[in-house]
């Protein structure tokens, strides 16, 4: 069994790699990452357990806004890119 902190880090690094591959700057720190586009817009994403989903790991945005389950990184990438297009975190 993977420790909770390790699972969070693995999920974030699994999200960071494809985002970097698409040309975004990504910084991973402990339990969250920051994605920045070439215009300086940024979005922060955390990996957190969600009590309402039986403690499953989810990607969430600032304020705990849920994105998707952490085992669906492509869905998270679509959400992050959409958030960047809308101006990012303010």
C-alpha atoms as a PDB file:
ATOM      1  CA  UNK A   1       0.000   0.000   0.000  1.00  0.00           C
ATOM      2  CA  UNK A   2       1.303   3.460  -0.898  1.00  0.00           C
ATOM      3  CA  UNK A   3       1.464   5.974   1.948  1.00  0.00           C
ATOM      4  CA  UNK A   4      -1.011   8.864   1.566  1.00  0.00           C
ATOM      5  CA  UNK A   5       1.716  11.487   1.092  1.00  0.00           C
ATOM      6  CA  UNK A   6       3.480   9.340  -1.498  1.00  0.00           C
ATOM      7  CA  UNK A   7       0.216   8.819  -3.385  1.00  0.00           C
ATOM      8  CA  UNK A   8      -0.378  12.575  -3.439  1.00  0.00           C
ATOM      9  CA  UNK A   9       3.125  13.265  -4.755  1.00  0.00           C
ATOM     10  CA  UNK A  10       2.836  10.529  -7.384  1.00  0.00           C
ATOM     11  CA  UNK A  11      -0.494  11.914  -8.587  1.00  0.00           C
ATOM     12  CA  UNK A  12       0.901  15.445  -8.861  1.00  0.00           C
ATOM     13  CA  UNK A  13       4.020  14.310 -10.701  1.00  0.00           C
ATOM     14  CA  UNK A  14       1.801  12.232 -13.004  1.00  0.00           C
ATOM     15  CA  UNK A  15      -0.100  15.418 -13.826  1.00  0.00           C
ATOM     16  CA  UNK A  16       3.004  17.603 -14.080  1.00  0.00           C
ATOM     17  CA  UNK A  17       4.761  15.526 -16.747  1.00  0.00           C
ATOM     18  CA  UNK A  18       2.132  15.785 -19.488  1.00  0.00           C
ATOM     19  CA  UNK A  19       1.569  19.473 -18.735  1.00  0.00           C
ATOM     20  CA  UNK A  20       5.301  20.120 -19.143  1.00  0.00           C
ATOM     21  CA  UNK A  21       5.206  18.117 -22.359  1.00  0.00           C
ATOM     22  CA  UNK A  22       2.560  20.528 -23.651  1.00  0.00           C
ATOM     23  CA  UNK A  23       4.825  23.506 -22.970  1.00  0.00           C
ATOM     24  CA  UNK A  24       3.567  24.703 -19.602  1.00  0.00           C
ATOM     25  CA  UNK A  25       5.882  25.641 -16.748  1.00  0.00           C
ATOM     26  CA  UNK A  26       5.040  23.418 -13.784  1.00  0.00           C
ATOM     27  CA  UNK A  27       6.399  23.591 -10.243  1.00  0.00           C
ATOM     28  CA  UNK A  28       5.573  20.764  -7.842  1.00  0.00           C
ATOM     29  CA  UNK A  29       5.829  21.541  -4.149  1.00  0.00           C
ATOM     30  CA  UNK A  30       4.911  19.000  -1.505  1.00  0.00           C
ATOM     31  CA  UNK A  31       1.160  18.493  -2.023  1.00  0.00           C
ATOM     32  CA  UNK A  32       0.354  20.946  -4.806  1.00  0.00           C
ATOM     33  CA  UNK A  33       1.566  22.147  -8.159  1.00  0.00           C
ATOM     34  CA  UNK A  34       1.479  25.448  -9.980  1.00  0.00           C
ATOM     35  CA  UNK A  35       0.973  25.547 -13.749  1.00  0.00           C
ATOM     36  CA  UNK A  36       1.947  28.719 -15.621  1.00  0.00           C
ATOM     37  CA  UNK A  37       1.371  29.462 -19.284  1.00  0.00           C
ATOM     38  CA  UNK A  38       3.481  31.649 -21.561  1.00  0.00           C
ATOM     39  CA  UNK A  39       1.295  34.677 -20.773  1.00  0.00           C
ATOM     40  CA  UNK A  40       1.935  34.386 -17.031  1.00  0.00           C
ATOM     41  CA  UNK A  41      -1.496  33.038 -16.098  1.00  0.00           C
ATOM     42  CA  UNK A  42      -1.339  30.363 -13.441  1.00  0.00           C
ATOM     43  CA  UNK A  43      -3.455  27.679 -11.846  1.00  0.00           C
ATOM     44  CA  UNK A  44      -2.727  25.826  -8.619  1.00  0.00           C
ATOM     45  CA  UNK A  45      -3.773  22.211  -8.133  1.00  0.00           C
ATOM     46  CA  UNK A  46      -3.694  20.099  -4.972  1.00  0.00           C
ATOM     47  CA  UNK A  47      -4.071  16.353  -4.529  1.00  0.00           C
ATOM     48  CA  UNK A  48      -6.397  15.712  -1.598  1.00  0.00           C
ATOM     49  CA  UNK A  49      -8.531  12.930  -0.248  1.00  0.00           C
ATOM     50  CA  UNK A  50     -12.223  13.600  -0.695  1.00  0.00           C
ATOM     51  CA  UNK A  51     -14.374  12.419   2.200  1.00  0.00           C
ATOM     52  CA  UNK A  52     -17.538  12.496   0.107  1.00  0.00           C
ATOM     53  CA  UNK A  53     -15.940   9.952  -2.260  1.00  0.00           C
ATOM     54  CA  UNK A  54     -14.828   7.422   0.337  1.00  0.00           C
ATOM     55  CA  UNK A  55     -11.449   9.065   0.848  1.00  0.00           C
ATOM     56  CA  UNK A  56     -10.364   8.694  -2.786  1.00  0.00           C
ATOM     57  CA  UNK A  57      -7.640  11.031  -3.992  1.00  0.00           C
ATOM     58  CA  UNK A  58      -8.841  13.976  -6.111  1.00  0.00           C
ATOM     59  CA  UNK A  59      -7.266  16.924  -7.875  1.00  0.00           C
ATOM     60  CA  UNK A  60      -8.699  20.156  -6.519  1.00  0.00           C
ATOM     61  CA  UNK A  61      -8.213  23.844  -7.261  1.00  0.00           C
ATOM     62  CA  UNK A  62      -7.913  26.779  -4.896  1.00  0.00           C
ATOM     63  CA  UNK A  63     -10.638  26.771  -2.262  1.00  0.00           C
ATOM     64  CA  UNK A  64     -11.024  23.001  -2.522  1.00  0.00           C
ATOM     65  CA  UNK A  65     -12.963  23.197  -5.812  1.00  0.00           C
ATOM     66  CA  UNK A  66     -12.928  19.596  -7.144  1.00  0.00           C
ATOM     67  CA  UNK A  67     -11.533  18.917 -10.605  1.00  0.00           C
ATOM     68  CA  UNK A  68     -11.614  15.122 -10.930  1.00  0.00           C
ATOM     69  CA  UNK A  69     -10.327  11.910  -9.420  1.00  0.00           C
ATOM     70  CA  UNK A  70      -6.537  11.741  -9.342  1.00  0.00           C
ATOM     71  CA  UNK A  71      -6.571   8.580 -11.450  1.00  0.00           C
ATOM     72  CA  UNK A  72      -7.925  10.665 -14.369  1.00  0.00           C
ATOM     73  CA  UNK A  73      -5.017  13.029 -15.129  1.00  0.00           C
ATOM     74  CA  UNK A  74      -6.146  13.755 -18.703  1.00  0.00           C
ATOM     75  CA  UNK A  75      -9.431  15.137 -17.355  1.00  0.00           C
ATOM     76  CA  UNK A  76      -7.417  17.308 -14.970  1.00  0.00           C
ATOM     77  CA  UNK A  77      -5.256  18.577 -17.838  1.00  0.00           C
ATOM     78  CA  UNK A  78      -8.350  19.624 -19.785  1.00  0.00           C
ATOM     79  CA  UNK A  79      -9.681  21.431 -16.691  1.00  0.00           C
ATOM     80  CA  UNK A  80      -6.356  23.179 -16.031  1.00  0.00           C
ATOM     81  CA  UNK A  81      -6.041  24.324 -19.642  1.00  0.00           C
ATOM     82  CA  UNK A  82      -9.603  25.614 -19.530  1.00  0.00           C
ATOM     83  CA  UNK A  83      -8.896  27.506 -16.321  1.00  0.00           C
ATOM     84  CA  UNK A  84      -5.796  29.065 -17.863  1.00  0.00           C
ATOM     85  CA  UNK A  85      -7.789  30.137 -20.910  1.00  0.00           C
ATOM     86  CA  UNK A  86     -10.272  31.824 -18.576  1.00  0.00           C
ATOM     87  CA  UNK A  87      -7.511  33.803 -16.873  1.00  0.00           C
ATOM     88  CA  UNK A  88      -6.201  31.350 -14.285  1.00  0.00           C
ATOM     89  CA  UNK A  89      -6.411  31.753 -10.513  1.00  0.00           C
ATOM     90  CA  UNK A  90      -6.992  35.312  -9.442  1.00  0.00           C
END
